[in-house]
Amino acid sequence: MRPRTVLVTLYDGVEALDVTTAQAVRGFLERQARNWTARNPNNWQSALYRALAVDLWYMAGGFREVS
């Protein structure tokens, strides 16, 4: 899967849940990180979700910039 495709998919996931606060976005990303880490803690998806879950810019609406 291409990186841009992954980011657009993330955007769609956040928008579909209608999460509007940074805290809600963080919760979504943390759940995704846990799910991916349970499957394989060393894959790039696990790393991506963990990184985005601590990225203040992304959680505050930066995810809208990649749509």
N, C-alpha and C. Protein backbone atom coordinates (compact mmCIF):
# COMPACT_ATOMS: atom_id res chain seq x y z
N MET A 1 0.85 -1.17 0.00
CA MET A 1 0.00 0.00 0.00
C MET A 1 0.89 1.23 0.00
N ARG A 2 0.56 2.19 -0.83
CA ARG A 2 1.36 3.40 -0.94
C ARG A 2 1.11 4.32 0.24
N PRO A 3 2.14 5.08 0.66
CA PRO A 3 1.98 5.96 1.84
C PRO A 3 0.81 6.93 1.72
N ARG A 4 0.63 7.56 0.57
CA ARG A 4 -0.48 8.51 0.44
C ARG A 4 -1.81 7.79 0.59
N THR A 5 -1.91 6.59 0.06
CA THR A 5 -3.14 5.81 0.19
C THR A 5 -3.44 5.53 1.66
N VAL A 6 -2.41 5.21 2.41
CA VAL A 6 -2.58 4.94 3.84
C VAL A 6 -3.07 6.19 4.54
N LEU A 7 -2.48 7.35 4.24
CA LEU A 7 -2.89 8.59 4.90
C LEU A 7 -4.31 8.98 4.53
N VAL A 8 -4.70 8.78 3.29
CA VAL A 8 -6.07 9.09 2.90
C VAL A 8 -7.03 8.13 3.58
N THR A 9 -6.65 6.88 3.71
CA THR A 9 -7.48 5.90 4.42
C THR A 9 -7.63 6.30 5.89
N LEU A 10 -6.55 6.78 6.48
CA LEU A 10 -6.62 7.27 7.86
C LEU A 10 -7.59 8.44 7.96
N TYR A 11 -7.49 9.35 7.03
CA TYR A 11 -8.39 10.50 7.02
C TYR A 11 -9.84 10.03 6.96
N ASP A 12 -10.11 9.09 6.05
CA ASP A 12 -11.47 8.56 5.92
C ASP A 12 -11.94 7.92 7.22
N GLY A 13 -11.03 7.20 7.90
CA GLY A 13 -11.39 6.57 9.16
C GLY A 13 -11.73 7.57 10.24
N VAL A 14 -10.95 8.62 10.33
CA VAL A 14 -11.21 9.66 11.34
C VAL A 14 -12.50 10.38 11.02
N GLU A 15 -12.70 10.73 9.76
CA GLU A 15 -13.91 11.44 9.37
C GLU A 15 -15.16 10.58 9.55
N ALA A 16 -15.06 9.30 9.26
CA ALA A 16 -16.21 8.40 9.38
C ALA A 16 -16.66 8.28 10.84
N LEU A 17 -15.72 8.38 11.76
CA LEU A 17 -16.07 8.30 13.17
C LEU A 17 -16.58 9.62 13.71
N ASP A 18 -16.48 10.67 12.89
CA ASP A 18 -16.91 12.01 13.27
C ASP A 18 -16.22 12.46 14.56
N VAL A 19 -14.93 12.19 14.63
CA VAL A 19 -14.17 12.64 15.79
C VAL A 19 -13.67 14.05 15.49
N THR A 20 -13.93 14.95 16.41
CA THR A 20 -13.62 16.35 16.15
C THR A 20 -12.58 16.93 17.08
N THR A 21 -12.27 16.24 18.15
CA THR A 21 -11.27 16.77 19.08
C THR A 21 -9.97 16.00 18.93
N ALA A 22 -8.88 16.65 19.29
CA ALA A 22 -7.57 16.00 19.23
C ALA A 22 -7.56 14.76 20.11
N GLN A 23 -8.23 14.83 21.24
CA GLN A 23 -8.28 13.69 22.15
C GLN A 23 -9.00 12.50 21.50
N ALA A 24 -10.08 12.76 20.78
CA ALA A 24 -10.80 11.69 20.11
C ALA A 24 -9.96 11.09 18.98
N VAL A 25 -9.25 11.94 18.25
CA VAL A 25 -8.37 11.45 17.18
C VAL A 25 -7.28 10.59 17.80
N ARG A 26 -6.71 11.04 18.91
CA ARG A 26 -5.68 10.26 19.60
C ARG A 26 -6.22 8.89 20.01
N GLY A 27 -7.42 8.85 20.53
CA GLY A 27 -8.02 7.57 20.93
C GLY A 27 -8.16 6.62 19.75
N PHE A 28 -8.62 7.16 18.62
CA PHE A 28 -8.74 6.35 17.41
C PHE A 28 -7.38 5.80 16.99
N LEU A 29 -6.37 6.67 16.96
CA LEU A 29 -5.03 6.25 16.53
C LEU A 29 -4.42 5.24 17.50
N GLU A 30 -4.65 5.44 18.79
CA GLU A 30 -4.11 4.50 19.77
C GLU A 30 -4.77 3.13 19.63
N ARG A 31 -6.07 3.09 19.37
CA ARG A 31 -6.74 1.80 19.14
C ARG A 31 -6.18 1.11 17.91
N GLN A 32 -5.98 1.88 16.85
CA GLN A 32 -5.41 1.30 15.64
C GLN A 32 -3.99 0.79 15.89
N ALA A 33 -3.22 1.55 16.64
CA ALA A 33 -1.85 1.13 16.96
C ALA A 33 -1.86 -0.17 17.74
N ARG A 34 -2.74 -0.28 18.71
CA ARG A 34 -2.83 -1.53 19.49
C ARG A 34 -3.22 -2.71 18.60
N ASN A 35 -4.18 -2.49 17.71
CA ASN A 35 -4.61 -3.57 16.81
C ASN A 35 -3.48 -4.03 15.90
N TRP A 36 -2.78 -3.07 15.30
CA TRP A 36 -1.67 -3.44 14.42
C TRP A 36 -0.53 -4.07 15.20
N THR A 37 -0.24 -3.56 16.37
CA THR A 37 0.85 -4.09 17.18
C THR A 37 0.55 -5.51 17.62
N ALA A 38 -0.71 -5.81 17.90
CA ALA A 38 -1.08 -7.18 18.28
C ALA A 38 -0.81 -8.15 17.14
N ARG A 39 -1.01 -7.69 15.91
CA ARG A 39 -0.76 -8.54 14.74
C ARG A 39 0.73 -8.72 14.50
N ASN A 40 1.45 -7.61 14.54
CA ASN A 40 2.89 -7.65 14.28
C ASN A 40 3.49 -6.35 14.81
N PRO A 41 4.17 -6.39 15.95
CA PRO A 41 4.68 -5.16 16.56
C PRO A 41 5.78 -4.48 15.75
N ASN A 42 6.34 -5.17 14.78
CA ASN A 42 7.45 -4.60 14.02
C ASN A 42 7.08 -4.18 12.61
N ASN A 43 5.79 -4.11 12.29
CA ASN A 43 5.45 -3.69 10.94
C ASN A 43 5.33 -2.17 10.85
N TRP A 44 5.32 -1.67 9.64
CA TRP A 44 5.31 -0.21 9.46
C TRP A 44 3.98 0.40 9.88
N GLN A 45 2.88 -0.35 9.78
CA GLN A 45 1.60 0.19 10.20
C GLN A 45 1.58 0.45 11.71
N SER A 46 2.14 -0.46 12.48
CA SER A 46 2.24 -0.25 13.93
C SER A 46 3.01 1.02 14.24
N ALA A 47 4.14 1.17 13.58
CA ALA A 47 4.98 2.35 13.80
C ALA A 47 4.26 3.63 13.38
N LEU A 48 3.56 3.59 12.26
CA LEU A 48 2.85 4.78 11.78
C LEU A 48 1.79 5.22 12.77
N TYR A 49 0.93 4.30 13.20
CA TYR A 49 -0.13 4.66 14.14
C TYR A 49 0.43 5.13 15.48
N ARG A 50 1.49 4.50 15.96
CA ARG A 50 2.09 4.95 17.22
C ARG A 50 2.65 6.36 17.08
N ALA A 51 3.30 6.63 15.95
CA ALA A 51 3.87 7.97 15.73
C ALA A 51 2.78 9.03 15.60
N LEU A 52 1.73 8.73 14.85
CA LEU A 52 0.66 9.71 14.67
C LEU A 52 -0.11 9.95 15.97
N ALA A 53 -0.17 8.96 16.84
CA ALA A 53 -0.90 9.11 18.11
C ALA A 53 -0.21 10.07 19.06
N VAL A 54 1.02 10.46 18.78
CA VAL A 54 1.72 11.44 19.61
C VAL A 54 2.05 12.72 18.84
N ASP A 55 1.57 12.82 17.61
CA ASP A 55 1.85 13.99 16.78
C ASP A 55 0.73 15.02 16.98
N LEU A 56 1.03 16.07 17.71
CA LEU A 56 0.02 17.08 18.04
C LEU A 56 -0.56 17.74 16.80
N TRP A 57 0.27 18.05 15.82
CA TRP A 57 -0.23 18.67 14.59
C TRP A 57 -1.26 17.77 13.91
N TYR A 58 -0.93 16.50 13.76
CA TYR A 58 -1.82 15.57 13.08
C TYR A 58 -3.15 15.46 13.82
N MET A 59 -3.09 15.32 15.13
CA MET A 59 -4.32 15.15 15.91
C MET A 59 -5.17 16.41 15.95
N ALA A 60 -4.54 17.57 15.81
CA ALA A 60 -5.28 18.83 15.87
C ALA A 60 -5.91 19.19 14.53
N GLY A 61 -5.84 18.30 13.57
CA GLY A 61 -6.48 18.56 12.27
C GLY A 61 -5.55 18.39 11.10
N GLY A 62 -4.30 18.09 11.33
CA GLY A 62 -3.35 17.88 10.25
C GLY A 62 -3.77 16.77 9.31
N PHE A 63 -4.55 15.83 9.83
CA PHE A 63 -5.02 14.72 8.99
C PHE A 63 -5.85 15.23 7.82
N ARG A 64 -6.43 16.41 7.97
CA ARG A 64 -7.25 16.99 6.88
C ARG A 64 -6.38 17.46 5.72
N GLU A 65 -5.11 17.70 5.97
CA GLU A 65 -4.20 18.21 4.94
C GLU A 65 -3.83 17.16 3.90
N VAL A 66 -4.06 15.88 4.19
CA VAL A 66 -3.66 14.82 3.27
C VAL A 66 -4.82 14.27 2.46
N SER A 67 -5.99 14.83 2.63
CA SER A 67 -7.15 14.31 1.91
C SER A 67 -7.12 14.75 0.46
